[in-house]
N, C-alpha and C. Protein backbone atom coordinates (compact mmCIF):
# COMPACT_ATOMS: atom_id res chain seq x y z
N MET A 1 3.47 6.03 -15.35
CA MET A 1 4.53 5.03 -15.27
C MET A 1 4.22 3.88 -16.25
N SER A 2 5.21 3.48 -17.04
CA SER A 2 5.00 2.41 -18.01
C SER A 2 4.89 1.06 -17.32
N GLU A 3 4.35 0.08 -18.06
CA GLU A 3 4.19 -1.26 -17.50
C GLU A 3 5.54 -1.87 -17.17
N ASN A 4 6.53 -1.62 -18.02
CA ASN A 4 7.87 -2.14 -17.77
C ASN A 4 8.45 -1.57 -16.48
N SER A 5 8.22 -0.27 -16.25
CA SER A 5 8.72 0.37 -15.04
C SER A 5 8.06 -0.22 -13.80
N LYS A 6 6.75 -0.49 -13.91
CA LYS A 6 6.03 -1.09 -12.79
C LYS A 6 6.60 -2.48 -12.47
N GLN A 7 6.86 -3.26 -13.51
CA GLN A 7 7.41 -4.60 -13.32
C GLN A 7 8.80 -4.54 -12.70
N GLU A 8 9.60 -3.57 -13.15
CA GLU A 8 10.95 -3.41 -12.59
C GLU A 8 10.87 -3.04 -11.12
N ASP A 9 9.96 -2.13 -10.77
CA ASP A 9 9.79 -1.74 -9.38
C ASP A 9 9.34 -2.92 -8.53
N LEU A 10 8.40 -3.71 -9.08
CA LEU A 10 7.89 -4.86 -8.35
C LEU A 10 9.00 -5.90 -8.14
N SER A 11 9.81 -6.11 -9.17
CA SER A 11 10.93 -7.05 -9.05
C SER A 11 11.92 -6.59 -7.98
N LYS A 12 12.11 -5.28 -7.90
CA LYS A 12 13.01 -4.72 -6.90
C LYS A 12 12.46 -4.95 -5.49
N VAL A 13 11.16 -4.74 -5.33
CA VAL A 13 10.53 -4.97 -4.03
C VAL A 13 10.62 -6.43 -3.63
N ILE A 14 10.38 -7.33 -4.60
CA ILE A 14 10.49 -8.77 -4.33
C ILE A 14 11.90 -9.12 -3.87
N ALA A 15 12.90 -8.60 -4.57
CA ALA A 15 14.29 -8.88 -4.20
C ALA A 15 14.59 -8.38 -2.79
N GLU A 16 14.08 -7.20 -2.46
CA GLU A 16 14.30 -6.65 -1.12
C GLU A 16 13.63 -7.50 -0.05
N MET A 17 12.39 -7.95 -0.33
CA MET A 17 11.67 -8.77 0.65
C MET A 17 12.30 -10.15 0.78
N GLU A 18 12.78 -10.71 -0.31
CA GLU A 18 13.48 -12.00 -0.25
C GLU A 18 14.73 -11.89 0.61
N GLN A 19 15.42 -10.75 0.47
CA GLN A 19 16.62 -10.54 1.28
C GLN A 19 16.26 -10.40 2.76
N LYS A 20 15.17 -9.73 3.05
CA LYS A 20 14.72 -9.59 4.43
C LYS A 20 14.42 -10.95 5.04
N CYS A 21 13.76 -11.81 4.26
CA CYS A 21 13.43 -13.15 4.75
C CYS A 21 14.70 -13.97 4.97
N ALA A 22 15.70 -13.76 4.10
CA ALA A 22 16.98 -14.47 4.27
C ALA A 22 17.71 -13.97 5.51
N ASP A 23 17.65 -12.65 5.74
CA ASP A 23 18.34 -12.06 6.88
C ASP A 23 17.62 -12.37 8.19
N LYS A 24 16.28 -12.45 8.13
CA LYS A 24 15.48 -12.71 9.33
C LYS A 24 14.51 -13.85 9.04
N PRO A 25 15.03 -15.07 9.01
CA PRO A 25 14.18 -16.22 8.64
C PRO A 25 13.05 -16.49 9.62
N GLY A 26 13.15 -15.93 10.82
CA GLY A 26 12.09 -16.14 11.80
C GLY A 26 11.08 -15.02 11.83
N SER A 27 11.15 -14.08 10.89
CA SER A 27 10.23 -12.93 10.88
C SER A 27 8.92 -13.29 10.18
N VAL A 28 7.85 -13.31 10.95
CA VAL A 28 6.52 -13.61 10.39
C VAL A 28 6.12 -12.56 9.37
N MET A 29 6.30 -11.29 9.73
CA MET A 29 5.85 -10.21 8.86
C MET A 29 6.64 -10.17 7.55
N ALA A 30 7.92 -10.51 7.60
CA ALA A 30 8.72 -10.50 6.37
C ALA A 30 8.17 -11.53 5.38
N HIS A 31 7.89 -12.72 5.87
CA HIS A 31 7.34 -13.77 4.99
C HIS A 31 5.92 -13.40 4.54
N HIS A 32 5.16 -12.80 5.46
CA HIS A 32 3.79 -12.38 5.11
C HIS A 32 3.81 -11.37 3.97
N HIS A 33 4.62 -10.34 4.11
CA HIS A 33 4.68 -9.30 3.07
C HIS A 33 5.28 -9.83 1.77
N LEU A 34 6.21 -10.76 1.88
CA LEU A 34 6.75 -11.38 0.67
C LEU A 34 5.64 -12.10 -0.08
N GLY A 35 4.78 -12.79 0.67
CA GLY A 35 3.65 -13.48 0.05
C GLY A 35 2.73 -12.53 -0.69
N LEU A 36 2.46 -11.37 -0.08
CA LEU A 36 1.59 -10.39 -0.73
C LEU A 36 2.21 -9.83 -2.00
N VAL A 37 3.53 -9.61 -1.96
CA VAL A 37 4.22 -9.07 -3.15
C VAL A 37 4.25 -10.12 -4.26
N TYR A 38 4.52 -11.37 -3.89
CA TYR A 38 4.47 -12.45 -4.88
C TYR A 38 3.08 -12.51 -5.53
N GLN A 39 2.03 -12.38 -4.70
CA GLN A 39 0.67 -12.43 -5.22
C GLN A 39 0.42 -11.30 -6.21
N LYS A 40 0.89 -10.12 -5.86
CA LYS A 40 0.73 -8.96 -6.75
C LYS A 40 1.44 -9.19 -8.08
N ALA A 41 2.54 -9.92 -8.02
CA ALA A 41 3.31 -10.20 -9.24
C ALA A 41 2.75 -11.39 -10.02
N GLY A 42 1.71 -12.02 -9.49
CA GLY A 42 1.12 -13.16 -10.18
C GLY A 42 1.86 -14.47 -9.93
N ARG A 43 2.77 -14.47 -8.96
CA ARG A 43 3.52 -15.69 -8.62
C ARG A 43 2.78 -16.39 -7.48
N PHE A 44 1.67 -17.01 -7.80
CA PHE A 44 0.75 -17.51 -6.79
C PHE A 44 1.31 -18.66 -5.96
N ASP A 45 2.01 -19.59 -6.60
CA ASP A 45 2.58 -20.70 -5.85
C ASP A 45 3.62 -20.20 -4.84
N ASP A 46 4.43 -19.23 -5.28
CA ASP A 46 5.41 -18.64 -4.36
C ASP A 46 4.71 -17.88 -3.24
N ALA A 47 3.61 -17.22 -3.57
CA ALA A 47 2.84 -16.50 -2.56
C ALA A 47 2.29 -17.45 -1.50
N VAL A 48 1.76 -18.59 -1.96
CA VAL A 48 1.26 -19.60 -1.02
C VAL A 48 2.38 -20.08 -0.10
N ALA A 49 3.52 -20.36 -0.68
CA ALA A 49 4.66 -20.86 0.11
C ALA A 49 5.10 -19.84 1.16
N ALA A 50 5.14 -18.57 0.79
CA ALA A 50 5.58 -17.53 1.72
C ALA A 50 4.56 -17.35 2.84
N LEU A 51 3.28 -17.35 2.52
CA LEU A 51 2.25 -17.20 3.55
C LEU A 51 2.19 -18.42 4.45
N GLU A 52 2.37 -19.59 3.87
CA GLU A 52 2.40 -20.81 4.69
C GLU A 52 3.60 -20.79 5.65
N LYS A 53 4.71 -20.22 5.20
CA LYS A 53 5.87 -20.08 6.08
C LYS A 53 5.56 -19.14 7.23
N ALA A 54 4.88 -18.04 6.94
CA ALA A 54 4.49 -17.10 8.00
C ALA A 54 3.60 -17.79 9.03
N ILE A 55 2.69 -18.63 8.55
CA ILE A 55 1.77 -19.35 9.46
C ILE A 55 2.52 -20.42 10.23
N GLU A 56 3.48 -21.05 9.59
CA GLU A 56 4.32 -22.04 10.29
C GLU A 56 5.05 -21.37 11.46
N LEU A 57 5.53 -20.15 11.22
CA LEU A 57 6.24 -19.41 12.27
C LEU A 57 5.29 -18.93 13.36
N ASP A 58 4.07 -18.59 12.97
CA ASP A 58 3.06 -18.13 13.94
C ASP A 58 1.69 -18.66 13.53
N PRO A 59 1.30 -19.83 14.07
CA PRO A 59 0.02 -20.45 13.70
C PRO A 59 -1.19 -19.59 14.06
N PHE A 60 -0.98 -18.54 14.87
CA PHE A 60 -2.09 -17.69 15.27
C PHE A 60 -2.12 -16.37 14.49
N SER A 61 -1.36 -16.31 13.40
CA SER A 61 -1.34 -15.11 12.57
C SER A 61 -2.60 -15.06 11.70
N VAL A 62 -3.64 -14.42 12.23
CA VAL A 62 -4.92 -14.36 11.54
C VAL A 62 -4.79 -13.63 10.20
N GLU A 63 -3.99 -12.58 10.18
CA GLU A 63 -3.82 -11.82 8.94
C GLU A 63 -3.25 -12.70 7.83
N SER A 64 -2.26 -13.52 8.18
CA SER A 64 -1.67 -14.42 7.17
C SER A 64 -2.68 -15.47 6.73
N LEU A 65 -3.44 -15.99 7.69
CA LEU A 65 -4.45 -17.00 7.36
C LEU A 65 -5.51 -16.41 6.42
N VAL A 66 -5.97 -15.21 6.72
CA VAL A 66 -7.00 -14.57 5.90
C VAL A 66 -6.48 -14.32 4.48
N ASN A 67 -5.26 -13.83 4.39
CA ASN A 67 -4.69 -13.58 3.06
C ASN A 67 -4.45 -14.87 2.29
N LEU A 68 -4.02 -15.93 2.99
CA LEU A 68 -3.84 -17.22 2.33
C LEU A 68 -5.18 -17.77 1.87
N GLY A 69 -6.21 -17.61 2.71
CA GLY A 69 -7.54 -18.06 2.32
C GLY A 69 -8.06 -17.34 1.10
N GLY A 70 -7.82 -16.02 1.03
CA GLY A 70 -8.23 -15.25 -0.14
C GLY A 70 -7.48 -15.67 -1.39
N LEU A 71 -6.20 -15.98 -1.20
CA LEU A 71 -5.38 -16.42 -2.32
C LEU A 71 -5.86 -17.77 -2.84
N TYR A 72 -6.14 -18.70 -1.94
CA TYR A 72 -6.66 -20.00 -2.35
C TYR A 72 -7.97 -19.84 -3.13
N PHE A 73 -8.82 -18.92 -2.66
CA PHE A 73 -10.11 -18.69 -3.34
C PHE A 73 -9.86 -18.19 -4.76
N ASP A 74 -8.96 -17.22 -4.89
CA ASP A 74 -8.65 -16.67 -6.21
C ASP A 74 -8.06 -17.73 -7.14
N MET A 75 -7.36 -18.71 -6.56
CA MET A 75 -6.75 -19.77 -7.35
C MET A 75 -7.75 -20.89 -7.67
N GLY A 76 -8.96 -20.78 -7.12
CA GLY A 76 -9.99 -21.77 -7.38
C GLY A 76 -9.97 -22.96 -6.45
N ASN A 77 -9.14 -22.91 -5.40
CA ASN A 77 -9.07 -24.00 -4.43
C ASN A 77 -10.00 -23.67 -3.27
N ILE A 78 -11.30 -23.90 -3.50
CA ILE A 78 -12.33 -23.46 -2.57
C ILE A 78 -12.24 -24.21 -1.23
N ASP A 79 -11.96 -25.50 -1.27
CA ASP A 79 -11.91 -26.28 -0.04
C ASP A 79 -10.80 -25.79 0.89
N LYS A 80 -9.63 -25.51 0.33
CA LYS A 80 -8.54 -24.99 1.15
C LYS A 80 -8.86 -23.59 1.65
N ALA A 81 -9.50 -22.78 0.81
CA ALA A 81 -9.90 -21.44 1.23
C ALA A 81 -10.85 -21.52 2.41
N LEU A 82 -11.78 -22.46 2.35
CA LEU A 82 -12.73 -22.65 3.43
C LEU A 82 -12.02 -23.05 4.73
N ALA A 83 -11.12 -24.02 4.64
CA ALA A 83 -10.43 -24.51 5.83
C ALA A 83 -9.58 -23.43 6.49
N VAL A 84 -8.87 -22.67 5.68
CA VAL A 84 -7.96 -21.65 6.22
C VAL A 84 -8.75 -20.50 6.86
N ASN A 85 -9.84 -20.08 6.23
CA ASN A 85 -10.64 -19.01 6.81
C ASN A 85 -11.37 -19.46 8.07
N GLU A 86 -11.79 -20.72 8.12
CA GLU A 86 -12.39 -21.24 9.34
C GLU A 86 -11.37 -21.26 10.46
N GLN A 87 -10.13 -21.59 10.13
CA GLN A 87 -9.06 -21.57 11.12
C GLN A 87 -8.88 -20.15 11.67
N ALA A 88 -8.95 -19.17 10.78
CA ALA A 88 -8.80 -17.77 11.20
C ALA A 88 -9.93 -17.36 12.15
N VAL A 89 -11.16 -17.75 11.83
CA VAL A 89 -12.31 -17.42 12.67
C VAL A 89 -12.22 -18.11 14.03
N ASN A 90 -11.72 -19.33 14.03
CA ASN A 90 -11.57 -20.04 15.30
C ASN A 90 -10.56 -19.36 16.21
N ILE A 91 -9.56 -18.72 15.61
CA ILE A 91 -8.55 -18.01 16.40
C ILE A 91 -9.09 -16.66 16.85
N ASN A 92 -9.73 -15.95 15.93
CA ASN A 92 -10.25 -14.61 16.22
C ASN A 92 -11.64 -14.47 15.62
N GLY A 93 -12.65 -14.69 16.45
CA GLY A 93 -14.03 -14.63 15.98
C GLY A 93 -14.46 -13.24 15.54
N ALA A 94 -13.66 -12.23 15.84
CA ALA A 94 -13.99 -10.86 15.46
C ALA A 94 -13.34 -10.44 14.15
N SER A 95 -12.71 -11.39 13.45
CA SER A 95 -12.07 -11.05 12.18
C SER A 95 -13.12 -10.84 11.10
N SER A 96 -13.42 -9.59 10.81
CA SER A 96 -14.46 -9.28 9.83
C SER A 96 -14.11 -9.84 8.45
N GLN A 97 -12.83 -9.76 8.07
CA GLN A 97 -12.44 -10.22 6.74
C GLN A 97 -12.55 -11.73 6.61
N ALA A 98 -12.24 -12.46 7.68
CA ALA A 98 -12.39 -13.92 7.63
C ALA A 98 -13.85 -14.29 7.46
N HIS A 99 -14.74 -13.62 8.20
CA HIS A 99 -16.18 -13.87 8.04
C HIS A 99 -16.64 -13.50 6.63
N ALA A 100 -16.14 -12.38 6.12
CA ALA A 100 -16.51 -11.96 4.76
C ALA A 100 -16.05 -12.99 3.74
N ASN A 101 -14.84 -13.50 3.91
CA ASN A 101 -14.33 -14.52 3.00
C ASN A 101 -15.18 -15.78 3.04
N LEU A 102 -15.57 -16.19 4.25
CA LEU A 102 -16.39 -17.40 4.39
C LEU A 102 -17.77 -17.18 3.78
N GLY A 103 -18.30 -15.97 3.92
CA GLY A 103 -19.57 -15.68 3.27
C GLY A 103 -19.48 -15.83 1.77
N LEU A 104 -18.40 -15.32 1.19
CA LEU A 104 -18.21 -15.42 -0.26
C LEU A 104 -18.04 -16.86 -0.70
N ILE A 105 -17.33 -17.65 0.11
CA ILE A 105 -17.13 -19.06 -0.21
C ILE A 105 -18.47 -19.79 -0.23
N TRP A 106 -19.29 -19.58 0.80
CA TRP A 106 -20.58 -20.28 0.85
C TRP A 106 -21.55 -19.75 -0.20
N GLN A 107 -21.44 -18.49 -0.54
CA GLN A 107 -22.24 -17.96 -1.65
C GLN A 107 -21.82 -18.64 -2.94
N ASN A 108 -20.51 -18.82 -3.13
CA ASN A 108 -19.99 -19.50 -4.31
C ASN A 108 -20.46 -20.96 -4.36
N LYS A 109 -20.62 -21.56 -3.17
CA LYS A 109 -21.08 -22.95 -3.11
C LYS A 109 -22.60 -23.06 -3.25
N GLY A 110 -23.28 -21.92 -3.28
CA GLY A 110 -24.73 -21.93 -3.47
C GLY A 110 -25.53 -22.06 -2.20
N ASP A 111 -24.89 -21.91 -1.03
CA ASP A 111 -25.59 -22.00 0.25
C ASP A 111 -25.80 -20.58 0.78
N GLY A 112 -26.92 -19.99 0.39
CA GLY A 112 -27.19 -18.61 0.75
C GLY A 112 -27.38 -18.39 2.24
N VAL A 113 -27.97 -19.37 2.93
CA VAL A 113 -28.21 -19.23 4.37
C VAL A 113 -26.90 -19.13 5.13
N LYS A 114 -25.97 -20.03 4.84
CA LYS A 114 -24.66 -19.97 5.50
C LYS A 114 -23.92 -18.70 5.11
N ALA A 115 -24.02 -18.32 3.84
CA ALA A 115 -23.35 -17.10 3.39
C ALA A 115 -23.84 -15.90 4.18
N LEU A 116 -25.15 -15.79 4.36
CA LEU A 116 -25.71 -14.66 5.10
C LEU A 116 -25.26 -14.66 6.55
N ASP A 117 -25.14 -15.83 7.16
CA ASP A 117 -24.66 -15.90 8.55
C ASP A 117 -23.27 -15.27 8.67
N TYR A 118 -22.39 -15.64 7.76
CA TYR A 118 -21.02 -15.10 7.81
C TYR A 118 -20.98 -13.63 7.42
N TYR A 119 -21.75 -13.24 6.41
CA TYR A 119 -21.78 -11.83 6.01
C TYR A 119 -22.30 -10.97 7.16
N THR A 120 -23.32 -11.47 7.85
CA THR A 120 -23.88 -10.72 8.98
C THR A 120 -22.84 -10.53 10.07
N ASN A 121 -22.06 -11.56 10.35
CA ASN A 121 -20.99 -11.44 11.33
C ASN A 121 -19.92 -10.45 10.87
N ALA A 122 -19.64 -10.46 9.57
CA ALA A 122 -18.62 -9.56 9.03
C ALA A 122 -19.00 -8.10 9.25
N VAL A 123 -20.24 -7.73 8.91
CA VAL A 123 -20.64 -6.32 9.06
C VAL A 123 -20.94 -5.97 10.52
N LYS A 124 -21.18 -6.98 11.33
CA LYS A 124 -21.32 -6.73 12.77
C LYS A 124 -20.00 -6.20 13.33
N HIS A 125 -18.89 -6.78 12.87
CA HIS A 125 -17.57 -6.38 13.36
C HIS A 125 -17.00 -5.20 12.58
N ASP A 126 -17.44 -5.01 11.34
CA ASP A 126 -17.01 -3.85 10.55
C ASP A 126 -18.15 -3.43 9.63
N PRO A 127 -18.99 -2.49 10.07
CA PRO A 127 -20.17 -2.10 9.28
C PRO A 127 -19.83 -1.38 7.97
N ASN A 128 -18.56 -1.05 7.76
CA ASN A 128 -18.18 -0.28 6.57
C ASN A 128 -17.72 -1.13 5.39
N LEU A 129 -17.91 -2.44 5.47
CA LEU A 129 -17.50 -3.32 4.39
C LEU A 129 -18.54 -3.29 3.27
N VAL A 130 -18.42 -2.33 2.39
CA VAL A 130 -19.45 -2.12 1.38
C VAL A 130 -19.63 -3.32 0.46
N THR A 131 -18.55 -4.02 0.14
CA THR A 131 -18.70 -5.18 -0.75
C THR A 131 -19.49 -6.29 -0.08
N VAL A 132 -19.41 -6.38 1.24
CA VAL A 132 -20.20 -7.39 1.95
C VAL A 132 -21.69 -7.04 1.87
N TRP A 133 -22.03 -5.77 2.04
CA TRP A 133 -23.43 -5.36 1.90
C TRP A 133 -23.94 -5.66 0.48
N ILE A 134 -23.08 -5.43 -0.50
CA ILE A 134 -23.44 -5.73 -1.88
C ILE A 134 -23.69 -7.23 -2.05
N ASN A 135 -22.80 -8.04 -1.51
CA ASN A 135 -22.96 -9.49 -1.62
C ASN A 135 -24.20 -9.98 -0.87
N MET A 136 -24.48 -9.35 0.27
CA MET A 136 -25.69 -9.73 1.03
C MET A 136 -26.94 -9.45 0.19
N THR A 137 -26.93 -8.35 -0.53
CA THR A 137 -28.07 -8.03 -1.40
C THR A 137 -28.27 -9.13 -2.44
N SER A 138 -27.18 -9.55 -3.05
CA SER A 138 -27.27 -10.60 -4.08
C SER A 138 -27.85 -11.89 -3.50
N VAL A 139 -27.41 -12.24 -2.28
CA VAL A 139 -27.90 -13.48 -1.66
C VAL A 139 -29.37 -13.34 -1.28
N HIS A 140 -29.76 -12.20 -0.72
CA HIS A 140 -31.17 -11.99 -0.37
C HIS A 140 -32.05 -12.07 -1.61
N LEU A 141 -31.59 -11.52 -2.72
CA LEU A 141 -32.36 -11.62 -3.97
C LEU A 141 -32.48 -13.07 -4.41
N MET A 142 -31.39 -13.82 -4.26
CA MET A 142 -31.39 -15.23 -4.63
C MET A 142 -32.40 -16.01 -3.79
N LEU A 143 -32.54 -15.61 -2.51
CA LEU A 143 -33.45 -16.30 -1.59
C LEU A 143 -34.85 -15.69 -1.57
N ASN A 144 -35.08 -14.72 -2.48
CA ASN A 144 -36.37 -14.03 -2.57
C ASN A 144 -36.71 -13.23 -1.31
N ASN A 145 -35.70 -12.79 -0.60
CA ASN A 145 -35.90 -11.91 0.56
C ASN A 145 -35.87 -10.46 0.06
N ASP A 146 -36.93 -10.04 -0.64
CA ASP A 146 -36.89 -8.76 -1.35
C ASP A 146 -36.74 -7.56 -0.41
N ASP A 147 -37.43 -7.59 0.74
CA ASP A 147 -37.33 -6.48 1.68
C ASP A 147 -35.90 -6.36 2.24
N LYS A 148 -35.32 -7.50 2.60
CA LYS A 148 -33.96 -7.50 3.14
C LYS A 148 -32.96 -7.06 2.07
N ALA A 149 -33.20 -7.48 0.84
CA ALA A 149 -32.32 -7.09 -0.26
C ALA A 149 -32.30 -5.57 -0.40
N LEU A 150 -33.46 -4.95 -0.28
CA LEU A 150 -33.53 -3.49 -0.38
C LEU A 150 -32.78 -2.83 0.77
N GLU A 151 -32.91 -3.37 1.97
CA GLU A 151 -32.21 -2.80 3.14
C GLU A 151 -30.70 -2.85 2.96
N THR A 152 -30.19 -4.00 2.54
CA THR A 152 -28.74 -4.13 2.41
C THR A 152 -28.21 -3.32 1.24
N ALA A 153 -28.99 -3.25 0.16
CA ALA A 153 -28.58 -2.44 -0.99
C ALA A 153 -28.52 -0.96 -0.62
N GLN A 154 -29.49 -0.50 0.14
CA GLN A 154 -29.50 0.90 0.58
C GLN A 154 -28.30 1.20 1.49
N GLN A 155 -27.94 0.24 2.32
CA GLN A 155 -26.79 0.44 3.20
C GLN A 155 -25.50 0.56 2.39
N ALA A 156 -25.37 -0.26 1.36
CA ALA A 156 -24.18 -0.20 0.50
C ALA A 156 -24.06 1.17 -0.16
N VAL A 157 -25.16 1.67 -0.69
CA VAL A 157 -25.13 2.97 -1.37
C VAL A 157 -24.94 4.11 -0.37
N LYS A 158 -25.45 3.94 0.83
CA LYS A 158 -25.22 4.94 1.88
C LYS A 158 -23.73 5.07 2.18
N LEU A 159 -23.04 3.92 2.18
CA LEU A 159 -21.60 3.93 2.45
C LEU A 159 -20.80 4.52 1.28
N GLU A 160 -21.21 4.15 0.06
CA GLU A 160 -20.50 4.64 -1.14
C GLU A 160 -21.52 5.03 -2.20
N PRO A 161 -21.98 6.28 -2.17
CA PRO A 161 -23.07 6.71 -3.07
C PRO A 161 -22.77 6.61 -4.56
N ASP A 162 -21.49 6.61 -4.92
CA ASP A 162 -21.14 6.56 -6.34
C ASP A 162 -20.48 5.23 -6.73
N PHE A 163 -20.77 4.17 -6.00
CA PHE A 163 -20.24 2.85 -6.33
C PHE A 163 -21.20 2.22 -7.34
N PRO A 164 -20.78 2.09 -8.61
CA PRO A 164 -21.70 1.62 -9.66
C PRO A 164 -22.37 0.28 -9.36
N MET A 165 -21.61 -0.68 -8.84
CA MET A 165 -22.20 -1.99 -8.56
C MET A 165 -23.27 -1.89 -7.48
N ALA A 166 -23.01 -1.06 -6.46
CA ALA A 166 -23.99 -0.88 -5.39
C ALA A 166 -25.26 -0.24 -5.94
N LEU A 167 -25.10 0.73 -6.83
CA LEU A 167 -26.27 1.37 -7.44
C LEU A 167 -27.06 0.39 -8.30
N ASN A 168 -26.36 -0.45 -9.03
CA ASN A 168 -27.04 -1.46 -9.84
C ASN A 168 -27.84 -2.41 -8.96
N ASN A 169 -27.21 -2.87 -7.86
CA ASN A 169 -27.91 -3.77 -6.95
C ASN A 169 -29.13 -3.10 -6.32
N LEU A 170 -28.99 -1.82 -6.01
CA LEU A 170 -30.12 -1.09 -5.43
C LEU A 170 -31.25 -0.99 -6.45
N ALA A 171 -30.90 -0.76 -7.71
CA ALA A 171 -31.92 -0.71 -8.76
C ALA A 171 -32.66 -2.04 -8.86
N VAL A 172 -31.90 -3.14 -8.81
CA VAL A 172 -32.52 -4.47 -8.89
C VAL A 172 -33.44 -4.70 -7.69
N ALA A 173 -32.96 -4.28 -6.51
CA ALA A 173 -33.76 -4.46 -5.29
C ALA A 173 -35.07 -3.67 -5.38
N PHE A 174 -34.99 -2.44 -5.86
CA PHE A 174 -36.22 -1.65 -6.02
C PHE A 174 -37.14 -2.30 -7.05
N TYR A 175 -36.56 -2.87 -8.09
CA TYR A 175 -37.37 -3.55 -9.11
C TYR A 175 -38.18 -4.69 -8.48
N TYR A 176 -37.52 -5.52 -7.69
CA TYR A 176 -38.22 -6.66 -7.10
C TYR A 176 -39.17 -6.24 -5.98
N ASN A 177 -39.04 -5.00 -5.52
CA ASN A 177 -40.01 -4.47 -4.56
C ASN A 177 -41.11 -3.66 -5.25
N GLY A 178 -41.08 -3.66 -6.60
CA GLY A 178 -42.17 -3.05 -7.36
C GLY A 178 -42.05 -1.55 -7.57
N ASP A 179 -40.92 -0.95 -7.20
CA ASP A 179 -40.73 0.49 -7.38
C ASP A 179 -39.86 0.70 -8.63
N TYR A 180 -40.50 0.68 -9.78
CA TYR A 180 -39.77 0.67 -11.04
C TYR A 180 -39.16 2.04 -11.39
N GLN A 181 -39.84 3.11 -11.01
CA GLN A 181 -39.30 4.44 -11.29
C GLN A 181 -38.01 4.69 -10.52
N THR A 182 -37.99 4.30 -9.25
CA THR A 182 -36.77 4.48 -8.45
C THR A 182 -35.67 3.55 -8.96
N ALA A 183 -36.07 2.36 -9.38
CA ALA A 183 -35.09 1.43 -9.96
C ALA A 183 -34.44 2.06 -11.18
N LYS A 184 -35.26 2.70 -12.03
CA LYS A 184 -34.74 3.35 -13.24
C LYS A 184 -33.75 4.45 -12.89
N LYS A 185 -34.06 5.23 -11.88
CA LYS A 185 -33.18 6.34 -11.49
C LYS A 185 -31.80 5.83 -11.09
N HIS A 186 -31.78 4.75 -10.32
CA HIS A 186 -30.50 4.23 -9.84
C HIS A 186 -29.73 3.49 -10.93
N VAL A 187 -30.43 2.78 -11.79
CA VAL A 187 -29.72 2.06 -12.85
C VAL A 187 -29.15 3.05 -13.86
N GLU A 188 -29.83 4.14 -14.09
CA GLU A 188 -29.30 5.16 -15.01
C GLU A 188 -28.03 5.80 -14.44
N LYS A 189 -28.00 5.99 -13.13
CA LYS A 189 -26.79 6.53 -12.50
C LYS A 189 -25.65 5.52 -12.60
N ALA A 190 -25.97 4.24 -12.40
CA ALA A 190 -24.94 3.19 -12.51
C ALA A 190 -24.35 3.17 -13.91
N ILE A 191 -25.20 3.27 -14.91
CA ILE A 191 -24.74 3.29 -16.31
C ILE A 191 -23.87 4.52 -16.57
N LYS A 192 -24.30 5.66 -16.05
CA LYS A 192 -23.55 6.90 -16.23
C LYS A 192 -22.15 6.79 -15.63
N LEU A 193 -22.04 6.00 -14.56
CA LEU A 193 -20.75 5.81 -13.89
C LEU A 193 -19.93 4.67 -14.51
N GLY A 194 -20.46 4.09 -15.60
CA GLY A 194 -19.69 3.11 -16.35
C GLY A 194 -20.00 1.66 -16.07
N TYR A 195 -21.07 1.39 -15.30
CA TYR A 195 -21.39 -0.01 -14.99
C TYR A 195 -22.06 -0.69 -16.19
N ASP A 196 -21.65 -1.92 -16.44
CA ASP A 196 -22.21 -2.71 -17.55
C ASP A 196 -23.45 -3.46 -17.05
N VAL A 197 -24.59 -2.80 -17.14
CA VAL A 197 -25.83 -3.36 -16.61
C VAL A 197 -26.33 -4.48 -17.52
N ASP A 198 -26.83 -5.53 -16.90
CA ASP A 198 -27.38 -6.68 -17.64
C ASP A 198 -28.54 -6.21 -18.52
N GLN A 199 -28.44 -6.45 -19.80
CA GLN A 199 -29.46 -6.01 -20.74
C GLN A 199 -30.81 -6.64 -20.44
N ARG A 200 -30.80 -7.87 -19.91
CA ARG A 200 -32.06 -8.54 -19.59
C ARG A 200 -32.81 -7.78 -18.49
N PHE A 201 -32.04 -7.24 -17.54
CA PHE A 201 -32.67 -6.44 -16.48
C PHE A 201 -33.25 -5.16 -17.05
N LEU A 202 -32.49 -4.50 -17.93
CA LEU A 202 -32.98 -3.27 -18.55
C LEU A 202 -34.25 -3.52 -19.35
N ASP A 203 -34.26 -4.63 -20.07
CA ASP A 203 -35.45 -4.97 -20.87
C ASP A 203 -36.67 -5.21 -19.98
N ALA A 204 -36.45 -5.94 -18.88
CA ALA A 204 -37.54 -6.23 -17.95
C ALA A 204 -38.05 -4.95 -17.30
N LEU A 205 -37.12 -4.07 -16.93
CA LEU A 205 -37.49 -2.81 -16.29
C LEU A 205 -38.26 -1.93 -17.26
N ASN A 206 -37.79 -1.83 -18.48
CA ASN A 206 -38.47 -1.01 -19.48
C ASN A 206 -39.86 -1.55 -19.80
N GLN A 207 -40.02 -2.86 -19.75
CA GLN A 207 -41.32 -3.46 -19.99
C GLN A 207 -42.30 -3.06 -18.90
N GLU A 208 -41.82 -3.05 -17.65
CA GLU A 208 -42.67 -2.66 -16.53
C GLU A 208 -43.04 -1.17 -16.60
N LEU A 209 -42.17 -0.38 -17.17
CA LEU A 209 -42.38 1.08 -17.24
C LEU A 209 -43.19 1.50 -18.46
N SER A 210 -43.34 0.58 -19.40
CA SER A 210 -44.04 0.95 -20.66
C SER A 210 -45.56 0.94 -20.49
């Protein structure tokens, strides 16, 4: 399908969702889905407005709050992303995605301890969130928790054995645990799968193997 065809289809979906919202102005889901479609189309301000409308209609709509928080994060409005995701967690403490979002926010803010607290809660409620395990590995490496970094990296690869980023993180974790041969095996697989491995890491690994 050409790019023009995709844009035409997306415009059609937007028009249909706008009509649904006009026909059912009190429908939370209509405004929620309109926000997601606006976001996909790159109309971020419109997406925010639609999701905020959904939340206005139902202040306990955790799904809308989580999506709005993710949108704020993508737009670079970290403080609003933090507030909205905290609101979601306060409503539903079992929301794995809200915890995952908060972990990413605190990781972005440079607070690894808080990030790990939220990431741990996220995988407690949904152990299959591979990107959270990957992010946990990065934070553990940042905090010099080399053993924990290896554990979380292994869990990520266990969930998705051919995920290039997970394989790269596992290679780094093995490197910091002193197992350079195993690190080489995993980084070579990551490269084979198309991952752009940091040349500085490759140089350091090759130096240890020489």
